[in-house]
Protein backbone atom coordinates (compact mmCIF):
# COMPACT_ATOMS: atom_id res chain seq x y z
CA MET A 1 -37.17 2.48 -45.77
CA THR A 2 -37.63 2.50 -41.98
CA GLU A 3 -37.96 5.71 -40.02
CA LYS A 4 -38.96 6.01 -36.35
CA GLY A 5 -40.46 2.51 -36.34
CA ILE A 6 -42.47 3.16 -39.50
CA THR A 7 -41.80 0.93 -42.48
CA CYS A 8 -42.33 1.91 -46.07
CA GLU A 9 -42.11 -0.35 -49.11
CA ILE A 10 -42.28 1.29 -52.52
CA VAL A 11 -44.13 -1.45 -54.38
CA ARG A 12 -44.06 0.36 -57.72
CA PRO A 13 -42.48 3.69 -58.60
CA ILE A 14 -44.81 5.69 -60.87
CA ALA A 15 -43.27 9.11 -61.56
CA VAL A 16 -40.98 11.85 -60.32
CA LEU A 17 -43.13 14.98 -60.50
CA SER A 18 -40.36 17.48 -59.75
CA GLU A 19 -36.86 17.86 -58.31
CA ASN A 20 -35.47 20.86 -56.46
CA GLU A 21 -31.95 22.30 -56.54
CA ARG A 22 -30.91 20.21 -53.49
CA GLY A 23 -31.95 16.94 -55.13
CA TYR A 24 -35.19 16.38 -53.21
CA THR A 25 -37.89 14.86 -55.40
CA ARG A 26 -41.67 14.95 -55.26
CA GLU A 27 -42.89 11.54 -56.38
CA ILE A 28 -45.99 9.47 -56.86
CA ASN A 29 -45.53 5.79 -56.04
CA LEU A 30 -47.54 2.75 -55.00
CA VAL A 31 -46.52 2.31 -51.36
CA SER A 32 -47.27 -0.03 -48.47
CA TRP A 33 -46.88 1.62 -45.06
CA ASN A 34 -46.25 -0.76 -42.15
CA GLY A 35 -47.22 -3.75 -44.31
CA GLY A 36 -50.70 -2.33 -44.95
CA GLU A 37 -52.80 -1.92 -48.05
CA VAL A 38 -50.92 -0.58 -51.06
CA LYS A 39 -51.90 3.05 -51.77
CA TYR A 40 -51.01 5.79 -54.20
CA ASP A 41 -48.60 8.01 -52.33
CA ILE A 42 -47.47 11.56 -53.16
CA ARG A 43 -44.65 13.06 -51.09
CA ASN A 44 -41.19 14.61 -51.08
CA TRP A 45 -38.17 12.31 -50.84
CA HIS A 46 -34.62 13.00 -49.69
CA PRO A 47 -31.95 12.12 -52.27
CA GLY A 48 -31.42 8.36 -52.10
CA ARG A 49 -34.88 7.92 -50.51
CA GLU A 50 -33.40 7.56 -47.03
CA LYS A 51 -35.95 10.06 -45.63
CA CYS A 52 -39.29 11.41 -46.72
CA GLY A 53 -41.46 14.39 -45.94
CA LYS A 54 -45.15 14.57 -45.16
CA GLY A 55 -47.39 13.50 -47.96
CA ILE A 56 -50.73 12.03 -48.84
CA ALA A 57 -51.73 8.40 -49.42
CA LEU A 58 -54.81 7.73 -51.55
CA THR A 59 -56.81 4.58 -52.19
CA ARG A 60 -57.59 3.48 -55.75
CA ASP A 61 -61.09 5.00 -55.48
CA GLU A 62 -59.65 8.29 -54.21
CA ILE A 63 -57.07 8.49 -56.99
CA PHE A 64 -59.82 8.00 -59.61
CA ALA A 65 -61.95 10.70 -57.94
CA LEU A 66 -58.92 13.04 -58.01
CA PHE A 67 -58.27 12.17 -61.66
CA ASP A 68 -61.88 12.96 -62.61
CA ALA A 69 -61.80 16.26 -60.69
CA LEU A 70 -58.54 17.30 -62.36
CA LYS A 71 -59.90 16.46 -65.83
CA GLU A 72 -62.79 18.86 -65.15
CA VAL A 73 -60.50 21.62 -63.90
CA ILE A 74 -58.17 21.26 -66.89
CA ALA A 75 -61.10 21.25 -69.33
CA ASP A 76 -62.48 24.43 -67.71
CA ASP A 77 -59.09 26.14 -68.08
CA GLU A 78 -58.89 25.51 -71.83
């Protein structure tokens, strides 16, 4: 995908987290932006992935820190 001079390559799709009534999906993927380091990327995508919304890109270390934090929150909620 290329938008406004920004390139995006989905290196590996991981999961569709949700889909709204208009077909937009919130996904987590391994993505390379502008040919850079591959990161875990969470954002909304237009049907067909021709456009995307704002999101967050996390390094491997950041995704593990998030995973650990979520495990604690989930354990506390049980």
